[in-house]
């Protein structure tokens, strides 16, 4: 295995990590934006008001997208780890 193959594998795993984290990060961004707008409109500056809805939305999205995340992990594992163990 040469440097190019190792860098290619690393690129695939980093891309997989980005795809796995994307639903959670997008949810945190969207909910944070909405809560921030509501806080600006109502002049309420409570820290827990931003934390609790964001946490709840991220947990909901995590449970909805857990199958998608697991599929990416299994695909990467099947493509790179199993052949390295077998041969």
PDB file of N, CA and C in Angstrom:
ATOM      1  N   UNK A   1       0.855  -1.173   0.000  1.00  0.00           N
ATOM      2  CA  UNK A   1       0.000   0.000   0.000  1.00  0.00           C
ATOM      3  C   UNK A   1       0.903   1.238   0.000  1.00  0.00           C
ATOM      4  N   UNK A   2       0.673   2.115  -0.950  1.00  0.00           N
ATOM      5  CA  UNK A   2       1.507   3.309  -1.068  1.00  0.00           C
ATOM      6  C   UNK A   2       0.783   4.539  -0.507  1.00  0.00           C
ATOM      7  N   UNK A   3       1.450   5.678  -0.596  1.00  0.00           N
ATOM      8  CA  UNK A   3       0.898   6.914  -0.035  1.00  0.00           C
ATOM      9  C   UNK A   3      -0.410   7.320  -0.690  1.00  0.00           C
ATOM     10  N   UNK A   4      -0.515   7.151  -1.982  1.00  0.00           N
ATOM     11  CA  UNK A   4      -1.726   7.554  -2.702  1.00  0.00           C
ATOM     12  C   UNK A   4      -2.937   6.746  -2.238  1.00  0.00           C
ATOM     13  N   UNK A   5      -2.759   5.457  -2.031  1.00  0.00           N
ATOM     14  CA  UNK A   5      -3.868   4.630  -1.559  1.00  0.00           C
ATOM     15  C   UNK A   5      -4.270   5.018  -0.140  1.00  0.00           C
ATOM     16  N   UNK A   6      -3.296   5.277   0.716  1.00  0.00           N
ATOM     17  CA  UNK A   6      -3.594   5.665   2.090  1.00  0.00           C
ATOM     18  C   UNK A   6      -4.327   7.011   2.122  1.00  0.00           C
ATOM     19  N   UNK A   7      -3.867   7.958   1.321  1.00  0.00           N
ATOM     20  CA  UNK A   7      -4.543   9.254   1.268  1.00  0.00           C
ATOM     21  C   UNK A   7      -5.945   9.132   0.676  1.00  0.00           C
ATOM     22  N   UNK A   8      -6.126   8.238  -0.282  1.00  0.00           N
ATOM     23  CA  UNK A   8      -7.462   8.002  -0.840  1.00  0.00           C
ATOM     24  C   UNK A   8      -8.412   7.427   0.202  1.00  0.00           C
ATOM     25  N   UNK A   9      -7.926   6.489   0.994  1.00  0.00           N
ATOM     26  CA  UNK A   9      -8.745   5.902   2.055  1.00  0.00           C
ATOM     27  C   UNK A   9      -9.078   6.959   3.103  1.00  0.00           C
ATOM     28  N   UNK A  10      -8.077   7.754   3.474  1.00  0.00           N
ATOM     29  CA  UNK A  10      -8.313   8.822   4.441  1.00  0.00           C
ATOM     30  C   UNK A  10      -9.346   9.814   3.926  1.00  0.00           C
ATOM     31  N   UNK A  11      -9.263  10.141   2.644  1.00  0.00           N
ATOM     32  CA  UNK A  11     -10.240  11.052   2.035  1.00  0.00           C
ATOM     33  C   UNK A  11     -11.644  10.464   2.110  1.00  0.00           C
ATOM     34  N   UNK A  12     -11.777   9.172   1.821  1.00  0.00           N
ATOM     35  CA  UNK A  12     -13.090   8.520   1.890  1.00  0.00           C
ATOM     36  C   UNK A  12     -13.658   8.547   3.312  1.00  0.00           C
ATOM     37  N   UNK A  13     -12.804   8.267   4.306  1.00  0.00           N
ATOM     38  CA  UNK A  13     -13.281   8.260   5.684  1.00  0.00           C
ATOM     39  C   UNK A  13     -13.640   9.664   6.164  1.00  0.00           C
ATOM     40  N   UNK A  14     -12.880  10.669   5.772  1.00  0.00           N
ATOM     41  CA  UNK A  14     -13.218  12.038   6.151  1.00  0.00           C
ATOM     42  C   UNK A  14     -14.512  12.496   5.472  1.00  0.00           C
ATOM     43  N   UNK A  15     -14.689  12.106   4.222  1.00  0.00           N
ATOM     44  CA  UNK A  15     -15.939  12.425   3.525  1.00  0.00           C
ATOM     45  C   UNK A  15     -17.116  11.716   4.196  1.00  0.00           C
ATOM     46  N   UNK A  16     -16.902  10.474   4.613  1.00  0.00           N
ATOM     47  CA  UNK A  16     -17.945   9.744   5.343  1.00  0.00           C
ATOM     48  C   UNK A  16     -18.294  10.423   6.654  1.00  0.00           C
ATOM     49  N   UNK A  17     -17.282  10.912   7.370  1.00  0.00           N
ATOM     50  CA  UNK A  17     -17.538  11.629   8.625  1.00  0.00           C
ATOM     51  C   UNK A  17     -18.327  12.910   8.367  1.00  0.00           C
ATOM     52  N   UNK A  18     -18.015  13.595   7.294  1.00  0.00           N
ATOM     53  CA  UNK A  18     -18.760  14.812   6.955  1.00  0.00           C
ATOM     54  C   UNK A  18     -20.214  14.483   6.625  1.00  0.00           C
ATOM     55  N   UNK A  19     -20.430  13.399   5.877  1.00  0.00           N
ATOM     56  CA  UNK A  19     -21.804  13.012   5.532  1.00  0.00           C
ATOM     57  C   UNK A  19     -22.585  12.560   6.762  1.00  0.00           C
ATOM     58  N   UNK A  20     -21.910  11.895   7.688  1.00  0.00           N
ATOM     59  CA  UNK A  20     -22.583  11.438   8.901  1.00  0.00           C
ATOM     60  C   UNK A  20     -22.981  12.630   9.777  1.00  0.00           C
ATOM     61  N   UNK A  21     -22.127  13.621   9.880  1.00  0.00           N
ATOM     62  CA  UNK A  21     -22.404  14.748  10.766  1.00  0.00           C
ATOM     63  C   UNK A  21     -23.321  15.799  10.145  1.00  0.00           C
ATOM     64  N   UNK A  22     -23.505  15.755   8.842  1.00  0.00           N
ATOM     65  CA  UNK A  22     -24.262  16.802   8.160  1.00  0.00           C
ATOM     66  C   UNK A  22     -25.700  16.970   8.662  1.00  0.00           C
ATOM     67  N   UNK A  23     -26.499  15.915   8.860  1.00  0.00           N
ATOM     68  CA  UNK A  23     -27.869  16.152   9.343  1.00  0.00           C
ATOM     69  C   UNK A  23     -27.915  16.839  10.704  1.00  0.00           C
ATOM     70  N   UNK A  24     -27.026  16.456  11.613  1.00  0.00           N
ATOM     71  CA  UNK A  24     -27.027  17.051  12.942  1.00  0.00           C
ATOM     72  C   UNK A  24     -26.560  18.506  12.906  1.00  0.00           C
ATOM     73  N   UNK A  25     -25.524  18.775  12.121  1.00  0.00           N
ATOM     74  CA  UNK A  25     -25.033  20.149  12.040  1.00  0.00           C
ATOM     75  C   UNK A  25     -26.037  21.071  11.351  1.00  0.00           C
ATOM     76  N   UNK A  26     -26.687  20.576  10.319  1.00  0.00           N
ATOM     77  CA  UNK A  26     -27.697  21.391   9.633  1.00  0.00           C
ATOM     78  C   UNK A  26     -28.880  21.678  10.556  1.00  0.00           C
ATOM     79  N   UNK A  27     -29.271  20.681  11.341  1.00  0.00           N
ATOM     80  CA  UNK A  27     -30.369  20.882  12.291  1.00  0.00           C
ATOM     81  C   UNK A  27     -29.998  21.912  13.346  1.00  0.00           C
ATOM     82  N   UNK A  28     -28.788  21.801  13.899  1.00  0.00           N
ATOM     83  CA  UNK A  28     -28.346  22.764  14.910  1.00  0.00           C
ATOM     84  C   UNK A  28     -28.308  24.176  14.336  1.00  0.00           C
ATOM     85  N   UNK A  29     -27.846  24.312  13.108  1.00  0.00           N
ATOM     86  CA  UNK A  29     -27.793  25.623  12.466  1.00  0.00           C
ATOM     87  C   UNK A  29     -29.192  26.191  12.258  1.00  0.00           C
ATOM     88  N   UNK A  30     -30.096  25.381  11.727  1.00  0.00           N
ATOM     89  CA  UNK A  30     -31.449  25.840  11.426  1.00  0.00           C
ATOM     90  C   UNK A  30     -32.206  26.208  12.697  1.00  0.00           C
ATOM     91  N   UNK A  31     -32.169  25.338  13.707  1.00  0.00           N
ATOM     92  CA  UNK A  31     -32.890  25.612  14.953  1.00  0.00           C
ATOM     93  C   UNK A  31     -32.265  26.802  15.674  1.00  0.00           C
ATOM     94  N   UNK A  32     -30.943  26.893  15.657  1.00  0.00           N
ATOM     95  CA  UNK A  32     -30.283  28.035  16.280  1.00  0.00           C
ATOM     96  C   UNK A  32     -30.661  29.346  15.613  1.00  0.00           C
ATOM     97  N   UNK A  33     -30.777  29.326  14.303  1.00  0.00           N
ATOM     98  CA  UNK A  33     -31.180  30.528  13.579  1.00  0.00           C
ATOM     99  C   UNK A  33     -32.605  30.944  13.939  1.00  0.00           C
ATOM    100  N   UNK A  34     -33.506  29.979  13.981  1.00  0.00           N
ATOM    101  CA  UNK A  34     -34.907  30.283  14.318  1.00  0.00           C
ATOM    102  C   UNK A  34     -35.027  30.801  15.743  1.00  0.00           C
ATOM    103  N   UNK A  35     -34.362  30.128  16.687  1.00  0.00           N
ATOM    104  CA  UNK A  35     -34.437  30.561  18.083  1.00  0.00           C
ATOM    105  C   UNK A  35     -33.775  31.929  18.245  1.00  0.00           C
ATOM    106  N   UNK A  36     -32.681  32.164  17.547  1.00  0.00           N
ATOM    107  CA  UNK A  36     -32.033  33.467  17.612  1.00  0.00           C
ATOM    108  C   UNK A  36     -32.929  34.575  17.090  1.00  0.00           C
ATOM    109  N   UNK A  37     -33.642  34.291  16.006  1.00  0.00           N
ATOM    110  CA  UNK A  37     -34.587  35.287  15.484  1.00  0.00           C
ATOM    111  C   UNK A  37     -35.721  35.548  16.471  1.00  0.00           C
ATOM    112  N   UNK A  38     -36.233  34.491  17.077  1.00  0.00           N
ATOM    113  CA  UNK A  38     -37.301  34.668  18.072  1.00  0.00           C
ATOM    114  C   UNK A  38     -36.790  35.452  19.274  1.00  0.00           C
ATOM    115  N   UNK A  39     -35.568  35.200  19.702  1.00  0.00           N
ATOM    116  CA  UNK A  39     -35.009  35.958  20.821  1.00  0.00           C
ATOM    117  C   UNK A  39     -34.819  37.424  20.461  1.00  0.00           C
ATOM    118  N   UNK A  40     -34.397  37.688  19.244  1.00  0.00           N
ATOM    119  CA  UNK A  40     -34.212  39.079  18.826  1.00  0.00           C
ATOM    120  C   UNK A  40     -35.552  39.812  18.730  1.00  0.00           C
ATOM    121  N   UNK A  41     -36.577  39.101  18.285  1.00  0.00           N
ATOM    122  CA  UNK A  41     -37.892  39.730  18.158  1.00  0.00           C
ATOM    123  C   UNK A  41     -38.533  39.997  19.504  1.00  0.00           C
ATOM    124  N   UNK A  42     -38.316  39.103  20.463  1.00  0.00           N
ATOM    125  CA  UNK A  42     -38.981  39.239  21.762  1.00  0.00           C
ATOM    126  C   UNK A  42     -38.077  39.813  22.841  1.00  0.00           C
ATOM    127  N   UNK A  43     -36.810  40.049  22.559  1.00  0.00           N
ATOM    128  CA  UNK A  43     -35.832  40.576  23.522  1.00  0.00           C
ATOM    129  C   UNK A  43     -35.656  39.678  24.738  1.00  0.00           C
ATOM    130  N   UNK A  44     -35.876  38.395  24.570  1.00  0.00           N
ATOM    131  CA  UNK A  44     -35.628  37.428  25.637  1.00  0.00           C
ATOM    132  C   UNK A  44     -34.225  36.881  25.429  1.00  0.00           C
ATOM    133  N   UNK A  45     -33.370  37.007  26.431  1.00  0.00           N
ATOM    134  CA  UNK A  45     -31.981  36.562  26.314  1.00  0.00           C
ATOM    135  C   UNK A  45     -31.692  35.451  27.326  1.00  0.00           C
ATOM    136  N   UNK A  46     -32.435  34.390  27.274  1.00  0.00           N
ATOM    137  CA  UNK A  46     -32.249  33.255  28.171  1.00  0.00           C
ATOM    138  C   UNK A  46     -31.390  32.204  27.477  1.00  0.00           C
ATOM    139  N   UNK A  47     -30.318  31.760  28.129  1.00  0.00           N
ATOM    140  CA  UNK A  47     -29.391  30.801  27.521  1.00  0.00           C
ATOM    141  C   UNK A  47     -30.027  29.429  27.314  1.00  0.00           C
ATOM    142  N   UNK A  48     -30.871  28.992  28.259  1.00  0.00           N
ATOM    143  CA  UNK A  48     -31.486  27.669  28.111  1.00  0.00           C
ATOM    144  C   UNK A  48     -32.503  27.653  26.976  1.00  0.00           C
ATOM    145  N   UNK A  49     -32.990  28.806  26.598  1.00  0.00           N
ATOM    146  CA  UNK A  49     -33.945  28.870  25.491  1.00  0.00           C
ATOM    147  C   UNK A  49     -33.292  28.467  24.176  1.00  0.00           C
ATOM    148  N   UNK A  50     -32.006  28.677  24.031  1.00  0.00           N
ATOM    149  CA  UNK A  50     -31.320  28.238  22.813  1.00  0.00           C
ATOM    150  C   UNK A  50     -30.872  26.792  22.916  1.00  0.00           C
ATOM    151  N   UNK A  51     -30.526  26.347  24.108  1.00  0.00           N
ATOM    152  CA  UNK A  51     -29.959  25.015  24.277  1.00  0.00           C
ATOM    153  C   UNK A  51     -31.006  23.912  24.172  1.00  0.00           C
ATOM    154  N   UNK A  52     -32.108  24.044  24.869  1.00  0.00           N
ATOM    155  CA  UNK A  52     -33.101  22.960  24.960  1.00  0.00           C
ATOM    156  C   UNK A  52     -33.760  22.652  23.616  1.00  0.00           C
ATOM    157  N   UNK A  53     -34.251  23.618  22.857  1.00  0.00           N
ATOM    158  CA  UNK A  53     -34.847  23.263  21.557  1.00  0.00           C
ATOM    159  C   UNK A  53     -33.825  22.668  20.580  1.00  0.00           C
ATOM    160  N   UNK A  54     -32.595  23.177  20.622  1.00  0.00           N
ATOM    161  CA  UNK A  54     -31.559  22.659  19.736  1.00  0.00           C
ATOM    162  C   UNK A  54     -31.234  21.211  20.088  1.00  0.00           C
ATOM    163  N   UNK A  55     -31.128  20.914  21.375  1.00  0.00           N
ATOM    164  CA  UNK A  55     -30.853  19.551  21.810  1.00  0.00           C
ATOM    165  C   UNK A  55     -31.988  18.613  21.428  1.00  0.00           C
ATOM    166  N   UNK A  56     -33.224  19.041  21.648  1.00  0.00           N
ATOM    167  CA  UNK A  56     -34.375  18.210  21.290  1.00  0.00           C
ATOM    168  C   UNK A  56     -34.454  17.935  19.798  1.00  0.00           C
ATOM    169  N   UNK A  57     -34.231  18.953  18.997  1.00  0.00           N
ATOM    170  CA  UNK A  57     -34.281  18.775  17.544  1.00  0.00           C
ATOM    171  C   UNK A  57     -33.151  17.871  17.066  1.00  0.00           C
ATOM    172  N   UNK A  58     -31.962  18.033  17.651  1.00  0.00           N
ATOM    173  CA  UNK A  58     -30.839  17.195  17.241  1.00  0.00           C
ATOM    174  C   UNK A  58     -31.058  15.739  17.637  1.00  0.00           C
ATOM    175  N   UNK A  59     -31.649  15.494  18.802  1.00  0.00           N
ATOM    176  CA  UNK A  59     -31.963  14.111  19.189  1.00  0.00           C
ATOM    177  C   UNK A  59     -32.985  13.496  18.242  1.00  0.00           C
ATOM    178  N   UNK A  60     -33.991  14.270  17.876  1.00  0.00           N
ATOM    179  CA  UNK A  60     -35.003  13.777  16.946  1.00  0.00           C
ATOM    180  C   UNK A  60     -34.387  13.442  15.586  1.00  0.00           C
ATOM    181  N   UNK A  61     -33.566  14.332  15.074  1.00  0.00           N
ATOM    182  CA  UNK A  61     -32.919  14.101  13.779  1.00  0.00           C
ATOM    183  C   UNK A  61     -31.944  12.926  13.875  1.00  0.00           C
ATOM    184  N   UNK A  62     -31.260  12.790  15.013  1.00  0.00           N
ATOM    185  CA  UNK A  62     -30.346  11.664  15.178  1.00  0.00           C
ATOM    186  C   UNK A  62     -31.095  10.343  15.068  1.00  0.00           C
ATOM    187  N   UNK A  63     -32.230  10.222  15.757  1.00  0.00           N
ATOM    188  CA  UNK A  63     -32.973   8.965  15.708  1.00  0.00           C
ATOM    189  C   UNK A  63     -33.590   8.725  14.327  1.00  0.00           C
ATOM    190  N   UNK A  64     -33.957   9.779  13.637  1.00  0.00           N
ATOM    191  CA  UNK A  64     -34.502   9.616  12.285  1.00  0.00           C
ATOM    192  C   UNK A  64     -33.417   9.201  11.307  1.00  0.00           C
ATOM    193  N   UNK A  65     -32.215   9.782  11.431  1.00  0.00           N
ATOM    194  CA  UNK A  65     -31.160   9.520  10.460  1.00  0.00           C
ATOM    195  C   UNK A  65     -30.139   8.481  10.924  1.00  0.00           C
ATOM    196  N   UNK A  66     -30.405   7.765  11.984  1.00  0.00           N
ATOM    197  CA  UNK A  66     -29.447   6.769  12.484  1.00  0.00           C
ATOM    198  C   UNK A  66     -29.210   5.656  11.461  1.00  0.00           C
ATOM    199  N   UNK A  67     -30.227   5.257  10.732  1.00  0.00           N
ATOM    200  CA  UNK A  67     -30.060   4.240   9.700  1.00  0.00           C
ATOM    201  C   UNK A  67     -29.155   4.709   8.571  1.00  0.00           C
ATOM    202  N   UNK A  68     -29.314   5.951   8.178  1.00  0.00           N
ATOM    203  CA  UNK A  68     -28.456   6.549   7.153  1.00  0.00           C
ATOM    204  C   UNK A  68     -27.007   6.591   7.620  1.00  0.00           C
ATOM    205  N   UNK A  69     -26.796   6.987   8.863  1.00  0.00           N
ATOM    206  CA  UNK A  69     -25.448   7.064   9.417  1.00  0.00           C
ATOM    207  C   UNK A  69     -24.818   5.673   9.516  1.00  0.00           C
ATOM    208  N   UNK A  70     -25.610   4.713   9.956  1.00  0.00           N
ATOM    209  CA  UNK A  70     -25.094   3.349  10.075  1.00  0.00           C
ATOM    210  C   UNK A  70     -24.758   2.771   8.705  1.00  0.00           C
ATOM    211  N   UNK A  71     -25.562   3.077   7.698  1.00  0.00           N
ATOM    212  CA  UNK A  71     -25.302   2.577   6.350  1.00  0.00           C
ATOM    213  C   UNK A  71     -23.971   3.107   5.809  1.00  0.00           C
ATOM    214  N   UNK A  72     -23.671   4.367   6.074  1.00  0.00           N
ATOM    215  CA  UNK A  72     -22.391   4.938   5.637  1.00  0.00           C
ATOM    216  C   UNK A  72     -21.237   4.237   6.345  1.00  0.00           C
ATOM    217  N   UNK A  73     -21.369   4.028   7.653  1.00  0.00           N
ATOM    218  CA  UNK A  73     -20.311   3.337   8.410  1.00  0.00           C
ATOM    219  C   UNK A  73     -20.100   1.917   7.910  1.00  0.00           C
ATOM    220  N   UNK A  74     -21.179   1.201   7.665  1.00  0.00           N
ATOM    221  CA  UNK A  74     -21.073  -0.185   7.211  1.00  0.00           C
ATOM    222  C   UNK A  74     -20.470  -0.243   5.811  1.00  0.00           C
ATOM    223  N   UNK A  75     -20.850   0.672   4.938  1.00  0.00           N
ATOM    224  CA  UNK A  75     -20.269   0.704   3.589  1.00  0.00           C
ATOM    225  C   UNK A  75     -18.761   0.940   3.635  1.00  0.00           C
ATOM    226  N   UNK A  76     -18.333   1.882   4.456  1.00  0.00           N
ATOM    227  CA  UNK A  76     -16.900   2.138   4.587  1.00  0.00           C
ATOM    228  C   UNK A  76     -16.179   0.932   5.180  1.00  0.00           C
ATOM    229  N   UNK A  77     -16.791   0.322   6.166  1.00  0.00           N
ATOM    230  CA  UNK A  77     -16.194  -0.848   6.806  1.00  0.00           C
ATOM    231  C   UNK A  77     -16.071  -1.995   5.801  1.00  0.00           C
ATOM    232  N   UNK A  78     -17.137  -2.238   5.058  1.00  0.00           N
ATOM    233  CA  UNK A  78     -17.111  -3.328   4.063  1.00  0.00           C
ATOM    234  C   UNK A  78     -16.109  -3.055   2.952  1.00  0.00           C
ATOM    235  N   UNK A  79     -15.964  -1.813   2.554  1.00  0.00           N
ATOM    236  CA  UNK A  79     -15.090  -1.476   1.442  1.00  0.00           C
ATOM    237  C   UNK A  79     -13.607  -1.499   1.815  1.00  0.00           C
ATOM    238  N   UNK A  80     -13.273  -1.098   3.054  1.00  0.00           N
ATOM    239  CA  UNK A  80     -11.860  -0.937   3.381  1.00  0.00           C
ATOM    240  C   UNK A  80     -11.346  -1.851   4.490  1.00  0.00           C
ATOM    241  N   UNK A  81     -12.124  -2.078   5.522  1.00  0.00           N
ATOM    242  CA  UNK A  81     -11.610  -2.806   6.676  1.00  0.00           C
ATOM    243  C   UNK A  81     -11.645  -4.308   6.444  1.00  0.00           C
ATOM    244  N   UNK A  82     -12.743  -4.839   5.943  1.00  0.00           N
ATOM    245  CA  UNK A  82     -12.857  -6.296   5.731  1.00  0.00           C
ATOM    246  C   UNK A  82     -11.807  -6.790   4.741  1.00  0.00           C
ATOM    247  N   UNK A  83     -11.609  -6.136   3.583  1.00  0.00           N
ATOM    248  CA  UNK A  83     -10.548  -6.631   2.688  1.00  0.00           C
ATOM    249  C   UNK A  83      -9.154  -6.559   3.316  1.00  0.00           C
ATOM    250  N   UNK A  84      -8.919  -5.580   4.171  1.00  0.00           N
ATOM    251  CA  UNK A  84      -7.610  -5.489   4.829  1.00  0.00           C
ATOM    252  C   UNK A  84      -7.417  -6.629   5.816  1.00  0.00           C
ATOM    253  N   UNK A  85      -8.483  -7.064   6.449  1.00  0.00           N
ATOM    254  CA  UNK A  85      -8.388  -8.174   7.409  1.00  0.00           C
ATOM    255  C   UNK A  85      -8.238  -9.491   6.687  1.00  0.00           C
ATOM    256  N   UNK A  86      -9.011  -9.676   5.620  1.00  0.00           N
ATOM    257  CA  UNK A  86      -9.010 -10.955   4.899  1.00  0.00           C
ATOM    258  C   UNK A  86      -7.717 -11.140   4.107  1.00  0.00           C
ATOM    259  N   UNK A  87      -7.310 -10.103   3.406  1.00  0.00           N
ATOM    260  CA  UNK A  87      -6.208 -10.365   2.504  1.00  0.00           C
ATOM    261  C   UNK A  87      -5.078  -9.464   2.661  1.00  0.00           C
TER     262      UNK A  87
END
